[in-house]
Amino acid sequence: MDKKTLNEITEKYDNTSPDQLRADLAVLTAINKRSGEILKIIKTAWEHDHDGGDKETVNIAGIEAGEISLGKGGNGKYTVTDERAYGALLHDNDFMIPGGQPAAEQVWMPRREAMDARYLEDMIRDHDGELPDGVEWKPGRPGVVTFRSTRGFVDKLFSAELAPTVMRLLLTDGSENNTTKKETKE
């Protein structure tokens, strides 16, 4: 929001009655809550139809609103959660790390190399997918849907020109005036 508009709104609310302040506070809180709930649903639906790296330009009522993208997220990996239990298994089964050294030290603690994701993957694959004691699967970070608005779009969104469209989007599925153009990154 530009500084002039922000100052005008601040001045307006400085001179607003307590009843009106409470009413506006309630309405804006309700809008934030409703839009937050709807936004979660929409992001989930959008994510189902897209792959990490996808980007789409968004136009609303003929005005370029910005770009939606889905981050690629991260892959999951095996991680040691109980070094003593895992170290005991490595010791008892005479596992070796690359270079021929024992994978566990005398106190039955796994060496750092034996806790490396690649080492764990190879070991688990070689043993029919069985997880050793003290090791568990940690899922990767999920992709994140992000919307970056074009400069000035938020101000335009609350203009008299777009207010009816915005209200239709909040009250209905909003499909009549909104379009997207898909750009998939290869």
Protein backbone atom coordinates (compact mmCIF):
# COMPACT_ATOMS: atom_id res chain seq x y z
CA MET A 1 0.00 0.00 0.00
CA ASP A 2 1.44 3.40 -0.88
CA LYS A 3 2.29 5.84 1.90
CA LYS A 4 -0.44 8.34 0.94
CA THR A 5 -3.17 5.69 1.09
CA LEU A 6 -1.78 4.33 4.35
CA ASN A 7 -1.84 7.82 5.88
CA GLU A 8 -5.42 8.39 4.69
CA ILE A 9 -6.58 5.11 6.22
CA THR A 10 -4.72 5.85 9.47
CA GLU A 11 -6.33 9.29 9.67
CA LYS A 12 -9.76 7.82 8.94
CA TYR A 13 -9.46 5.29 11.77
CA ASP A 14 -8.03 7.89 14.14
CA ASN A 15 -11.36 9.72 13.71
CA THR A 16 -13.68 6.69 13.75
CA SER A 17 -16.13 5.93 16.53
CA PRO A 18 -15.41 2.99 18.87
CA ASP A 19 -18.50 1.15 17.55
CA GLN A 20 -17.31 1.50 13.95
CA LEU A 21 -13.76 0.44 14.90
CA ARG A 22 -15.13 -2.72 16.53
CA ALA A 23 -17.35 -3.46 13.52
CA ASP A 24 -14.48 -2.96 11.04
CA LEU A 25 -12.18 -5.04 13.20
CA ALA A 26 -14.72 -7.87 13.26
CA VAL A 27 -15.34 -7.71 9.49
CA LEU A 28 -11.65 -7.63 8.56
CA THR A 29 -10.87 -10.45 11.00
CA ALA A 30 -13.66 -12.52 9.45
CA ILE A 31 -12.38 -11.78 5.93
CA ASN A 32 -8.84 -12.78 6.97
CA LYS A 33 -10.11 -15.99 8.55
CA ARG A 34 -12.32 -16.92 5.59
CA SER A 35 -9.67 -16.06 3.03
CA GLY A 36 -7.03 -18.01 5.00
CA GLU A 37 -9.23 -21.12 5.08
CA ILE A 38 -10.05 -20.83 1.39
CA LEU A 39 -6.41 -20.12 0.51
CA LYS A 40 -5.29 -23.39 2.14
CA ILE A 41 -7.88 -25.35 0.12
CA ILE A 42 -6.96 -23.58 -3.13
CA LYS A 43 -3.21 -24.09 -2.61
CA THR A 44 -3.75 -27.80 -1.97
CA ALA A 45 -5.90 -28.14 -5.11
CA TRP A 46 -3.35 -26.19 -7.19
CA GLU A 47 -0.49 -28.29 -5.85
CA HIS A 48 -2.24 -31.53 -6.91
CA ASP A 49 -2.26 -30.41 -10.55
CA HIS A 50 1.33 -29.14 -10.72
CA ASP A 51 4.92 -30.29 -10.36
CA GLY A 52 7.71 -28.55 -8.50
CA GLY A 53 9.09 -25.73 -10.61
CA ASP A 54 5.78 -24.95 -12.35
CA LYS A 55 4.92 -21.26 -12.71
CA GLU A 56 1.74 -19.61 -13.93
CA THR A 57 0.92 -15.98 -14.63
CA VAL A 58 -2.41 -14.94 -13.09
CA ASN A 59 -4.79 -12.37 -14.59
CA ILE A 60 -7.89 -11.14 -12.76
CA ALA A 61 -10.43 -9.01 -14.61
CA GLY A 62 -7.84 -8.33 -17.31
CA ILE A 63 -5.17 -7.12 -14.87
CA GLU A 64 -1.96 -9.07 -14.40
CA ALA A 65 -2.03 -10.07 -10.74
CA GLY A 66 1.26 -11.91 -10.45
CA GLU A 67 2.70 -15.39 -10.61
CA ILE A 68 1.95 -18.66 -8.80
CA SER A 69 4.74 -21.18 -8.39
CA LEU A 70 5.32 -24.51 -6.68
CA GLY A 71 8.70 -25.09 -5.08
CA LYS A 72 10.22 -28.50 -5.69
CA GLY A 73 10.40 -29.46 -2.03
CA GLY A 74 12.99 -31.91 -0.81
CA ASN A 75 13.50 -35.64 -0.85
CA GLY A 76 13.13 -37.65 2.31
CA LYS A 77 16.09 -39.47 3.83
CA TYR A 78 16.99 -42.00 6.46
CA THR A 79 18.40 -40.55 9.64
CA VAL A 80 19.88 -42.05 12.79
CA THR A 81 17.67 -41.27 15.79
CA ASP A 82 19.29 -43.55 18.37
CA GLU A 83 23.06 -43.69 17.91
CA ARG A 84 23.56 -46.31 20.63
CA ALA A 85 21.03 -48.77 19.19
CA TYR A 86 22.33 -48.29 15.66
CA GLY A 87 25.95 -48.51 16.85
CA ALA A 88 25.20 -51.80 18.63
CA LEU A 89 23.70 -53.24 15.44
CA LEU A 90 26.72 -52.12 13.39
CA HIS A 91 29.10 -53.65 15.95
CA ASP A 92 27.20 -56.93 16.40
CA ASN A 93 26.97 -57.49 12.64
CA ASP A 94 30.54 -56.38 11.79
CA PHE A 95 29.46 -53.68 9.32
CA MET A 96 32.26 -51.76 7.61
CA ILE A 97 32.40 -48.22 6.20
CA PRO A 98 34.16 -47.48 2.91
CA GLY A 99 37.88 -48.05 3.43
CA GLY A 100 37.36 -51.23 5.45
CA GLN A 101 37.11 -49.71 8.93
CA PRO A 102 34.46 -50.91 11.37
CA ALA A 103 31.23 -48.90 11.03
CA ALA A 104 30.91 -48.67 14.83
CA GLU A 105 33.41 -47.55 17.42
CA GLN A 106 34.17 -49.44 20.63
CA VAL A 107 31.42 -47.74 22.59
CA TRP A 108 29.00 -48.99 19.95
CA MET A 109 28.48 -45.55 18.55
CA PRO A 110 28.15 -45.31 14.78
CA ARG A 111 30.84 -43.35 13.01
CA ARG A 112 29.74 -40.23 11.16
CA GLU A 113 30.26 -41.99 7.83
CA ALA A 114 27.88 -44.79 8.91
CA MET A 115 25.16 -42.18 9.56
CA ASP A 116 25.54 -40.61 6.11
CA ALA A 117 22.28 -40.72 4.11
CA ARG A 118 23.92 -42.60 1.20
CA TYR A 119 25.42 -45.22 3.52
CA LEU A 120 22.06 -45.74 5.24
CA GLU A 121 20.23 -46.04 1.90
CA ASP A 122 22.71 -48.66 0.63
CA MET A 123 22.61 -50.62 3.88
CA ILE A 124 18.81 -50.66 4.05
CA ARG A 125 18.50 -51.62 0.37
CA ASP A 126 21.04 -54.45 0.86
CA HIS A 127 18.91 -55.79 3.74
CA ASP A 128 15.56 -55.90 1.94
CA GLY A 129 14.41 -52.51 3.21
CA GLU A 130 14.59 -53.44 6.88
CA LEU A 131 15.33 -50.43 9.07
CA PRO A 132 18.06 -51.07 11.64
CA ASP A 133 17.44 -50.25 15.29
CA GLY A 134 17.91 -46.55 15.90
CA VAL A 135 17.15 -45.49 12.30
CA GLU A 136 13.92 -44.06 10.99
CA TRP A 137 12.65 -42.48 7.76
CA LYS A 138 12.19 -38.70 7.84
CA PRO A 139 9.97 -37.41 5.03
CA GLY A 140 11.32 -34.57 2.90
CA ARG A 141 10.05 -31.03 3.04
CA PRO A 142 6.88 -30.62 0.98
CA GLY A 143 6.73 -28.18 -1.91
CA VAL A 144 5.34 -24.73 -1.15
CA VAL A 145 2.82 -22.87 -3.30
CA THR A 146 3.77 -19.19 -3.50
CA PHE A 147 1.99 -16.18 -5.01
CA ARG A 148 4.05 -13.08 -5.74
CA SER A 149 1.89 -10.14 -6.69
CA THR A 150 2.91 -7.60 -9.26
CA ARG A 151 3.77 -4.14 -7.99
CA GLY A 152 0.64 -2.20 -7.11
CA PHE A 153 -1.74 -5.14 -7.55
CA VAL A 154 -2.90 -5.19 -3.91
CA ASP A 155 -3.90 -1.52 -4.19
CA LYS A 156 -5.71 -2.21 -7.49
CA LEU A 157 -7.47 -5.19 -5.94
CA PHE A 158 -9.22 -2.94 -3.44
CA SER A 159 -10.15 -0.29 -6.01
CA ALA A 160 -13.77 0.42 -6.97
CA GLU A 161 -13.07 -1.21 -10.35
CA LEU A 162 -12.14 -4.61 -8.87
CA ALA A 163 -14.14 -4.65 -5.62
CA PRO A 164 -17.14 -6.48 -7.18
CA THR A 165 -14.82 -9.13 -8.64
CA VAL A 166 -13.05 -9.58 -5.31
CA MET A 167 -16.34 -10.03 -3.46
CA ARG A 168 -17.50 -12.61 -6.05
CA LEU A 169 -14.23 -14.49 -5.49
CA LEU A 170 -14.83 -14.54 -1.74
CA LEU A 171 -18.49 -15.51 -2.00
CA THR A 172 -18.46 -17.97 -4.94
CA ASP A 173 -15.95 -20.10 -6.80
CA GLY A 174 -14.85 -16.94 -8.67
CA SER A 175 -14.30 -18.74 -11.95
CA GLU A 176 -15.92 -16.16 -14.23
CA ASN A 177 -13.19 -13.50 -14.26
CA ASN A 178 -9.98 -15.22 -13.38
CA THR A 179 -7.56 -16.86 -15.78
CA THR A 180 -4.15 -18.44 -15.58
CA LYS A 181 -1.47 -19.01 -18.18
CA LYS A 182 0.72 -22.04 -17.47
CA GLU A 183 4.49 -21.85 -17.91
CA THR A 184 6.17 -25.13 -16.93
CA LYS A 185 9.92 -25.07 -16.22
CA GLU A 186 11.77 -27.93 -17.82
